[in-house]
N, C-alpha and C. Protein backbone atom coordinates (compact mmCIF):
# COMPACT_ATOMS: atom_id res chain seq x y z
N UNK A 1 104.95 100.74 68.70
CA UNK A 1 105.99 100.53 69.40
C UNK A 1 107.31 99.67 68.91
N UNK A 2 106.74 99.36 67.44
CA UNK A 2 108.05 98.66 66.60
C UNK A 2 108.68 99.27 65.78
N UNK A 3 108.74 101.11 66.00
CA UNK A 3 108.83 101.28 65.00
C UNK A 3 110.39 102.10 65.51
N UNK A 4 111.05 102.58 64.60
CA UNK A 4 112.48 102.99 64.91
C UNK A 4 112.38 104.42 65.84
N UNK A 5 111.72 105.22 66.06
CA UNK A 5 111.54 106.53 66.60
C UNK A 5 111.98 106.16 68.02
N UNK A 6 112.64 107.73 68.17
CA UNK A 6 113.14 107.59 69.81
C UNK A 6 112.68 108.99 70.52
N UNK A 7 111.99 109.00 70.10
CA UNK A 7 111.02 110.29 71.02
C UNK A 7 110.57 109.84 72.15
N UNK A 8 110.64 110.72 73.11
CA UNK A 8 110.17 110.22 74.32
C UNK A 8 108.62 109.82 74.30
N UNK A 9 107.78 110.41 73.78
CA UNK A 9 106.72 109.97 73.85
C UNK A 9 106.46 108.40 73.22
N UNK A 10 107.26 108.03 72.50
CA UNK A 10 107.26 106.41 71.83
C UNK A 10 108.10 105.71 72.80
N UNK A 11 109.12 106.55 73.17
CA UNK A 11 110.11 105.78 73.95
C UNK A 11 109.70 104.94 75.27
N UNK A 12 108.88 105.69 76.05
CA UNK A 12 108.64 105.21 77.45
C UNK A 12 107.58 104.39 77.37
N UNK A 13 106.64 104.56 76.66
CA UNK A 13 105.65 103.34 76.36
C UNK A 13 106.05 102.29 76.19
N UNK A 14 107.29 102.20 75.12
CA UNK A 14 107.95 100.85 74.37
C UNK A 14 108.37 100.10 75.77
N UNK A 15 108.99 101.24 76.36
CA UNK A 15 110.12 100.45 77.76
C UNK A 15 109.27 100.02 78.56
N UNK A 16 107.99 100.38 78.85
CA UNK A 16 106.81 99.75 79.72
C UNK A 16 106.61 98.55 79.31
N UNK A 17 106.24 98.52 78.34
CA UNK A 17 105.61 97.45 77.17
C UNK A 17 106.81 96.17 77.29
N UNK A 18 107.92 96.46 77.12
CA UNK A 18 109.20 95.54 77.13
C UNK A 18 109.21 94.99 78.57
N UNK A 19 109.20 95.96 79.77
CA UNK A 19 109.11 95.40 80.87
C UNK A 19 108.30 94.49 81.32
N UNK A 20 107.08 94.61 81.14
CA UNK A 20 105.77 94.01 81.21
C UNK A 20 106.03 92.15 80.24
N UNK A 21 106.29 92.43 79.46
CA UNK A 21 106.49 91.28 78.76
C UNK A 21 107.79 90.62 79.65
N UNK A 22 108.59 91.10 79.95
CA UNK A 22 109.68 90.84 80.81
C UNK A 22 109.26 89.94 82.07
N UNK A 23 108.30 90.79 82.23
CA UNK A 23 107.98 90.23 83.83
C UNK A 23 106.79 89.12 83.61
N UNK A 24 106.19 89.03 82.97
CA UNK A 24 105.14 88.27 82.79
C UNK A 24 104.96 87.35 82.24
N UNK A 25 106.02 87.02 81.29
CA UNK A 25 106.31 85.95 80.04
C UNK A 25 107.71 85.33 80.68
N UNK A 26 107.87 84.14 79.97
CA UNK A 26 109.08 83.61 80.20
C UNK A 26 109.93 84.18 78.87
N UNK A 27 109.83 84.87 77.68
CA UNK A 27 110.56 85.40 76.57
C UNK A 27 111.47 85.70 77.34
N UNK A 28 112.63 85.36 75.67
CA UNK A 28 114.12 85.77 76.46
C UNK A 28 114.01 87.21 76.24
N UNK A 29 115.22 87.68 76.25
CA UNK A 29 115.75 89.12 76.06
C UNK A 29 115.64 89.23 74.49
N UNK A 30 116.15 88.56 74.23
CA UNK A 30 116.48 88.38 72.38
C UNK A 30 115.07 88.13 71.76
N UNK A 31 114.18 87.67 72.19
CA UNK A 31 113.22 87.01 71.99
C UNK A 31 112.06 88.54 71.90
N UNK A 32 111.98 89.05 72.90
CA UNK A 32 111.71 90.21 73.44
C UNK A 32 112.48 91.55 72.18
N UNK A 33 113.17 91.46 72.15
CA UNK A 33 113.75 92.62 71.17
C UNK A 33 113.33 91.99 69.59
N UNK A 34 113.60 91.07 69.32
CA UNK A 34 112.59 90.70 67.99
C UNK A 34 111.26 91.25 67.93
N UNK A 35 110.32 90.86 68.85
CA UNK A 35 109.07 91.27 69.25
C UNK A 35 109.03 92.83 69.03
N UNK A 36 109.68 93.92 69.38
CA UNK A 36 109.65 95.30 69.39
C UNK A 36 110.68 95.39 68.31
N UNK A 37 110.38 95.18 67.17
CA UNK A 37 111.11 95.74 65.95
C UNK A 37 112.25 95.56 65.56
N UNK A 38 112.60 94.36 66.17
CA UNK A 38 114.09 93.61 65.61
C UNK A 38 115.59 94.75 66.95
N UNK A 39 114.83 94.99 67.99
CA UNK A 39 115.82 95.78 68.76
C UNK A 39 116.91 94.56 69.50
N UNK A 40 118.08 95.27 69.87
CA UNK A 40 119.10 93.84 70.38
C UNK A 40 118.43 93.91 71.54
N UNK A 41 119.26 92.95 72.18
CA UNK A 41 118.60 91.88 73.53
C UNK A 41 119.28 92.93 74.93
N UNK A 42 120.21 93.96 74.71
CA UNK A 42 120.76 95.06 75.69
C UNK A 42 120.05 95.98 75.52
N UNK A 43 119.01 96.46 74.59
CA UNK A 43 118.52 97.73 74.50
C UNK A 43 117.03 97.10 75.42
N UNK A 44 116.63 95.71 75.63
CA UNK A 44 115.45 95.55 76.38
C UNK A 44 116.01 95.03 77.70
N UNK A 45 117.31 94.63 78.05
CA UNK A 45 117.91 94.67 79.40
C UNK A 45 117.89 96.29 80.02
N UNK A 46 118.23 97.08 78.96
CA UNK A 46 118.48 98.49 79.50
C UNK A 46 116.73 99.23 79.30
N UNK A 47 116.05 98.81 78.69
CA UNK A 47 114.63 99.44 79.10
C UNK A 47 113.93 98.95 80.68
N UNK A 48 114.35 97.44 80.55
CA UNK A 48 113.77 96.95 81.83
C UNK A 48 114.27 97.40 83.11
N UNK A 49 115.53 97.81 83.08
CA UNK A 49 116.14 97.84 84.23
C UNK A 49 116.12 99.51 84.87
N UNK A 50 115.56 100.42 83.40
CA UNK A 50 115.19 101.52 83.87
C UNK A 50 113.73 101.80 84.45
N UNK A 51 113.07 100.99 83.86
CA UNK A 51 111.51 100.92 83.98
C UNK A 51 111.46 100.56 85.78
N UNK A 52 112.71 99.56 85.99
CA UNK A 52 112.45 98.89 87.37
C UNK A 52 113.12 99.97 88.13
N UNK A 53 113.92 100.78 88.29
CA UNK A 53 114.11 102.19 88.66
C UNK A 53 113.26 103.09 88.74
N UNK A 54 112.65 103.18 87.67
CA UNK A 54 111.71 104.42 87.46
C UNK A 54 110.21 104.13 88.35
N UNK A 55 109.90 102.79 88.58
CA UNK A 55 108.62 102.30 89.16
C UNK A 55 109.33 102.59 90.65
N UNK A 56 110.05 102.22 91.28
CA UNK A 56 110.54 102.37 92.49
C UNK A 56 110.91 103.80 93.21
N UNK A 57 110.98 104.75 92.09
CA UNK A 57 111.36 106.03 92.49
C UNK A 57 110.02 107.16 92.17
N UNK A 58 109.32 106.75 91.05
CA UNK A 58 108.33 107.48 90.39
C UNK A 58 106.83 107.06 90.71
N UNK A 59 106.19 107.59 91.63
CA UNK A 59 104.41 107.30 91.99
C UNK A 59 103.78 107.58 90.83
N UNK A 60 104.13 108.01 89.87
CA UNK A 60 103.38 108.27 88.69
C UNK A 60 103.30 106.96 87.58
N UNK A 61 104.76 106.93 87.50
CA UNK A 61 105.09 106.01 86.58
C UNK A 61 104.54 104.21 87.19
N UNK A 62 105.08 104.27 88.67
CA UNK A 62 104.26 102.96 89.37
C UNK A 62 102.84 103.17 89.02
N UNK A 63 102.20 103.84 89.29
CA UNK A 63 100.45 103.84 89.41
C UNK A 63 100.17 103.55 87.41
N UNK A 64 100.96 104.00 86.67
CA UNK A 64 100.90 103.96 85.67
C UNK A 64 100.90 102.32 84.91
N UNK A 65 101.63 101.62 85.60
CA UNK A 65 102.25 100.43 85.53
C UNK A 65 101.25 99.70 85.71
N UNK A 66 100.99 99.76 87.30
CA UNK A 66 100.00 99.01 88.04
C UNK A 66 98.74 99.53 87.28
N UNK A 67 98.28 100.37 86.43
CA UNK A 67 96.64 100.53 85.68
C UNK A 67 96.62 99.71 84.87
N UNK A 68 97.99 99.34 83.98
CA UNK A 68 98.14 98.54 82.92
C UNK A 68 97.84 97.43 82.99
N UNK A 69 98.96 96.70 83.99
CA UNK A 69 98.67 95.61 85.00
C UNK A 69 97.01 95.13 85.23
N UNK A 70 96.62 96.03 85.57
CA UNK A 70 95.11 95.62 86.25
C UNK A 70 94.12 95.57 84.72
N UNK A 71 94.30 96.39 83.81
CA UNK A 71 93.43 96.52 82.75
C UNK A 71 93.89 95.11 81.76
N UNK A 72 95.11 94.29 82.45
CA UNK A 72 95.55 93.10 81.52
C UNK A 72 95.14 92.25 82.32
N UNK A 73 94.28 92.36 83.52
CA UNK A 73 94.42 91.43 84.18
C UNK A 73 95.46 90.51 84.66
N UNK A 74 96.60 91.06 85.21
CA UNK A 74 97.71 90.44 85.86
C UNK A 74 97.83 90.96 87.36
């Protein structure tokens, strides 16, 4: 998740992880970006917004995120 690859198989899980970190912590966008390989805060913002959009419109994404949150005890 910290790597530079931009393949869909890596990007979507990375955006989900950034979304969850943003949702469940008080970390700032720049802090989250640093955690994920030195990404810019706007990249984190884009990922969080995209995941919010996808969760609202795609039941598969919504259930996947809920399963992760359940596994994490959130």
